[in-house]
Protein backbone atom coordinates (compact mmCIF):
# COMPACT_ATOMS: atom_id res chain seq x y z
CA MET A 1 171.84 118.74 151.80
CA ASN A 2 168.83 121.23 151.35
CA GLN A 3 165.65 119.54 152.70
CA PRO A 4 162.55 119.97 150.57
CA ALA A 5 159.37 121.88 151.86
CA SER A 6 157.61 118.42 151.87
CA HIS A 7 158.73 115.16 153.18
CA ALA A 8 155.72 113.24 151.86
CA ALA A 9 157.78 110.73 150.01
CA GLU A 10 160.10 110.25 152.78
CA GLU A 11 157.41 109.73 155.36
CA LYS A 12 155.96 106.89 153.25
CA VAL A 13 159.53 105.10 153.46
CA ILE A 14 159.45 105.53 157.31
CA GLN A 15 155.94 104.43 157.67
CA ASP A 16 156.54 101.28 155.35
CA PHE A 17 159.67 100.71 157.61
CA LEU A 18 157.78 100.88 160.96
CA LEU A 19 154.92 98.67 159.61
CA GLN A 20 157.41 95.92 158.40
CA ARG A 21 159.31 96.25 161.78
CA LEU A 22 156.12 94.86 163.49
CA ASN A 23 156.11 91.82 161.54
CA ASN A 24 159.89 91.16 161.11
CA ILE A 25 162.47 93.53 162.37
CA ASP A 26 165.64 92.01 160.65
CA GLN A 27 163.62 92.21 157.39
CA ALA A 28 162.47 95.59 157.91
CA TYR A 29 166.01 97.05 158.53
CA ASN A 30 167.30 95.08 155.47
CA LYS A 31 164.60 96.76 153.23
CA LEU A 32 165.40 100.17 154.65
CA LEU A 33 169.26 99.55 153.98
CA GLU A 34 168.52 98.46 150.38
CA SER A 35 166.39 101.42 149.74
CA VAL A 36 168.93 103.82 151.15
CA VAL A 37 171.77 102.27 149.05
CA ILE A 38 169.63 102.52 145.85
CA GLU A 39 168.96 105.99 146.45
CA LEU A 40 172.60 106.90 147.09
CA LYS A 41 173.40 105.57 143.54
CA GLN A 42 170.79 107.89 141.90
CA GLN A 43 171.66 111.26 140.74
CA PRO A 44 169.82 113.51 141.52
CA PRO A 45 168.59 111.53 144.64
CA ARG A 46 164.74 111.44 144.97
CA TYR A 47 164.62 111.29 148.66
CA ASP A 48 166.23 113.18 151.64
CA VAL A 49 168.30 110.20 153.18
CA ASP A 50 169.29 112.14 155.95
CA TYR A 51 165.81 113.12 156.88
CA ILE A 52 164.67 109.25 156.56
CA LEU A 53 167.46 107.92 158.69
CA SER A 54 167.07 110.55 161.58
CA GLN A 55 163.13 110.15 161.61
CA VAL A 56 163.87 106.19 161.80
CA LYS A 57 166.15 106.62 164.59
CA ILE A 58 163.66 108.70 166.49
CA GLU A 59 160.69 106.53 165.92
CA THR A 60 162.74 103.07 166.75
CA GLU A 61 164.02 104.82 169.94
CA LYS A 62 160.30 105.26 170.90
CA LEU A 63 160.00 101.43 170.65
CA VAL A 64 162.91 100.48 172.83
CA THR A 65 162.13 99.70 176.46
CA PRO A 66 164.19 101.88 178.60
CA ILE A 67 166.70 100.32 181.15
CA TYR A 68 166.33 102.03 184.52
CA PHE A 69 168.23 99.36 186.63
CA ASP A 70 171.20 97.09 185.80
CA SER A 71 172.07 94.55 188.30
CA ASN A 72 175.51 94.39 186.90
CA ALA A 73 176.21 98.06 187.63
CA PRO A 74 176.76 99.69 191.02
CA ASN A 75 173.24 100.62 192.41
CA ASN A 76 174.14 102.43 195.69
CA GLY A 77 172.13 99.56 197.66
CA VAL A 78 169.26 99.93 195.34
CA THR A 79 167.57 96.48 194.54
CA GLN A 80 165.55 95.55 191.62
CA LEU A 81 161.76 96.19 191.86
CA PRO A 82 160.03 92.90 192.60
CA ALA A 83 157.70 91.21 190.02
CA SER A 84 154.76 91.49 192.43
CA VAL A 85 154.09 94.81 194.31
CA LEU A 86 151.35 94.95 196.88
CA GLU A 87 149.21 97.77 197.58
CA THR A 88 150.24 98.66 201.29
CA ILE A 89 147.10 100.73 202.02
CA PRO A 90 143.96 99.50 200.15
CA ARG A 91 141.97 102.10 198.61
CA ARG A 92 138.30 102.19 199.53
CA ASP A 93 135.84 100.90 196.74
CA GLU A 94 134.00 104.40 196.48
CA LEU A 95 131.26 103.01 193.97
CA LEU A 96 130.62 99.92 196.35
CA VAL A 97 130.29 102.21 199.43
CA LYS A 98 127.96 104.49 197.36
CA SER A 99 126.05 101.58 196.07
CA THR A 100 125.59 99.91 199.35
CA SER A 101 124.62 103.15 201.03
CA PHE A 102 121.83 103.62 198.11
CA TYR A 103 120.60 100.11 198.55
CA GLN A 104 119.94 100.57 202.12
CA ARG A 105 117.98 103.67 201.43
CA LEU A 106 116.06 101.70 198.84
CA LYS A 107 114.97 99.06 201.25
CA GLU A 108 113.99 101.59 203.85
CA SER A 109 111.71 103.33 201.36
CA ALA A 110 109.86 100.12 200.40
CA GLY A 111 106.09 100.22 201.12
CA ASP A 112 103.12 97.64 201.21
CA LEU A 113 102.33 95.60 198.24
CA SER A 114 98.63 96.23 198.90
CA HIS A 115 98.76 99.94 198.18
CA LEU A 116 100.04 99.54 194.40
CA PRO A 117 97.64 100.88 191.85
CA LEU A 118 96.22 97.93 189.88
CA GLU A 119 97.70 97.11 186.47
CA GLU A 120 94.67 95.76 184.96
CA ASN A 121 94.03 98.76 182.97
CA ILE A 122 96.78 97.83 180.69
CA PRO A 123 95.46 95.64 177.71
CA ASP A 124 97.68 92.93 175.77
CA GLY A 125 96.91 94.70 172.60
CA ASP A 126 98.33 94.41 169.16
CA LEU A 127 101.76 96.23 168.11
CA ASN A 128 100.06 99.52 167.05
CA HIS A 129 97.85 99.38 170.08
CA MET A 130 100.73 99.32 172.47
CA ARG A 131 102.73 101.68 170.82
CA ASN A 132 100.02 104.33 171.36
CA ILE A 133 100.00 103.23 174.90
CA LEU A 134 103.75 103.81 175.15
CA LYS A 135 103.32 107.13 173.73
CA ASP A 136 100.75 108.03 176.41
CA LEU A 137 102.60 106.82 179.36
CA PHE A 138 105.75 108.71 178.21
CA SER A 139 103.76 111.92 177.92
CA LYS A 140 102.58 111.47 181.65
CA ARG A 141 105.90 110.63 183.33
CA ASN A 142 105.80 113.67 185.49
CA VAL A 143 103.91 111.75 188.24
CA SER A 144 104.16 112.28 192.02
CA LYS A 145 107.20 110.73 193.74
CA ARG A 146 104.95 108.03 195.30
CA LEU A 147 103.97 106.74 191.65
CA ASP A 148 107.10 107.27 189.77
CA ILE A 149 108.62 103.86 190.22
CA GLN A 150 105.13 102.15 189.55
CA HIS A 151 104.67 104.41 186.44
CA HIS A 152 108.25 103.44 184.82
CA PHE A 153 107.51 99.83 185.77
CA ILE A 154 104.62 99.89 183.45
CA ILE A 155 106.42 101.58 180.77
CA GLY A 156 109.12 98.90 181.11
CA LYS A 157 106.17 96.13 180.89
CA VAL A 158 104.90 97.71 177.95
CA LEU A 159 108.24 98.02 176.13
CA LEU A 160 108.92 94.46 176.59
CA THR A 161 105.56 93.54 175.07
CA ILE A 162 106.32 95.73 172.02
CA LYS A 163 109.72 94.30 171.71
CA ASN A 164 108.19 90.64 171.88
CA GLN A 165 105.55 91.60 169.03
CA SER A 166 108.21 93.33 166.78
CA ASN A 167 109.78 91.38 164.03
CA SER A 168 113.26 92.24 165.17
CA THR A 169 115.45 93.88 167.92
CA LYS A 170 116.39 96.64 165.32
CA GLN A 171 112.74 97.36 164.47
CA PHE A 172 111.77 97.59 168.23
CA LEU A 173 114.66 99.99 169.02
CA GLU A 174 113.68 102.21 165.98
CA GLN A 175 109.95 102.30 167.12
CA ALA A 176 110.88 103.21 170.58
CA LYS A 177 113.04 106.12 169.22
CA THR A 178 110.64 107.21 166.77
CA ASP A 179 107.55 107.17 169.16
CA VAL A 180 108.90 108.46 172.38
CA GLY A 181 112.80 109.34 171.72
CA CYS A 182 113.66 106.28 173.96
CA SER A 183 117.35 105.50 173.48
CA LYS A 184 118.72 101.92 173.30
CA SER A 185 120.13 102.00 176.85
CA LEU A 186 117.02 103.53 178.62
CA ALA A 187 114.78 101.13 176.71
CA TYR A 188 116.69 98.18 177.81
CA PHE A 189 117.08 99.48 181.43
CA LEU A 190 113.23 99.99 181.52
CA ILE A 191 112.70 96.40 180.45
CA ASP A 192 115.12 94.87 182.93
CA PHE A 193 113.65 97.08 185.63
CA ALA A 194 110.16 95.69 184.85
CA VAL A 195 111.44 92.08 184.80
CA ILE A 196 112.93 92.14 188.19
CA CYS A 197 109.91 94.13 189.53
CA MET A 198 107.84 91.32 188.17
CA GLU A 199 109.94 88.69 190.02
CA TYR A 200 110.35 90.85 193.03
CA PRO A 201 107.11 92.87 193.36
CA LYS A 202 108.12 94.84 196.47
CA LEU A 203 110.46 96.69 194.36
CA LYS A 204 107.66 98.52 192.79
CA THR A 205 106.81 100.12 196.16
CA VAL A 206 109.94 101.98 196.64
CA SER A 207 109.73 105.75 196.81
CA ILE A 208 113.18 106.47 194.98
CA PRO A 209 113.58 108.39 191.53
CA VAL A 210 113.94 105.81 188.89
CA ARG A 211 116.94 107.76 187.63
CA SER A 212 118.64 106.97 190.85
CA ILE A 213 117.87 103.33 190.46
CA GLN A 214 119.31 103.46 186.87
CA ARG A 215 122.68 104.88 188.38
CA TYR A 216 123.02 101.93 190.52
CA PHE A 217 121.07 99.25 188.74
CA ALA A 218 123.95 96.79 188.33
CA TYR A 219 124.29 96.63 192.12
CA ILE A 220 120.84 96.54 192.76
CA LYS A 221 119.82 93.50 190.66
CA GLN A 222 122.46 91.42 192.46
CA ALA A 223 121.67 92.90 195.83
CA VAL A 224 117.82 92.11 195.39
CA LYS A 225 118.46 88.69 194.40
CA ASN A 226 120.58 88.09 197.49
CA ASP A 227 117.76 89.74 199.51
CA ALA A 228 114.98 87.80 197.64
CA VAL A 229 112.84 86.90 200.88
CA PHE A 230 112.39 90.70 201.45
CA TRP A 231 111.47 91.75 198.18
CA LYS A 232 109.06 89.02 197.47
């Protein structure tokens, strides 16, 4: 049989079959058989039946689980793979190792609370006022390493104030994006960082770049809580 240049009509029959097969395999085959019989009775035929049957066979074989071991057949001493396989040489959790190492450096870099800059110069203003402060803080993020954490803590605190004053979370995120180009993930990280700094003030004294803290923040949050006496 000469195959047509396009099999669009046949592909639809195949896709209908595969879709029905997910719901009821017997019904799918019965309908396919019915379609093929009807097609064979028509002259000239609308479909390339050979193409449909060959493609259905190919697609169906993909869905059949291959059998690599038959307990009833000779297996040359090979046994069936057990249901539970244990890892004999456990892998090292690289992320945990890196996070633990980073947290140790974080602790070692902590300073004295009495040396922190005062926060009294940040007012509790209205929404527009706080948005202007946020813009100014973002424009001055290129501060010294010693002040980097404190500066981003203040940004997070201002962001949280703006969020509380906004009509909705959507409005807050739109304002943060419009005002300072702050993404949702960065805004929420800075807010979460400010919240944990307010609970554990000594975290504001570390001299580690805030971007590094963001990378390991999920681990740091729990580690700081476990080490609460140190960070209070």
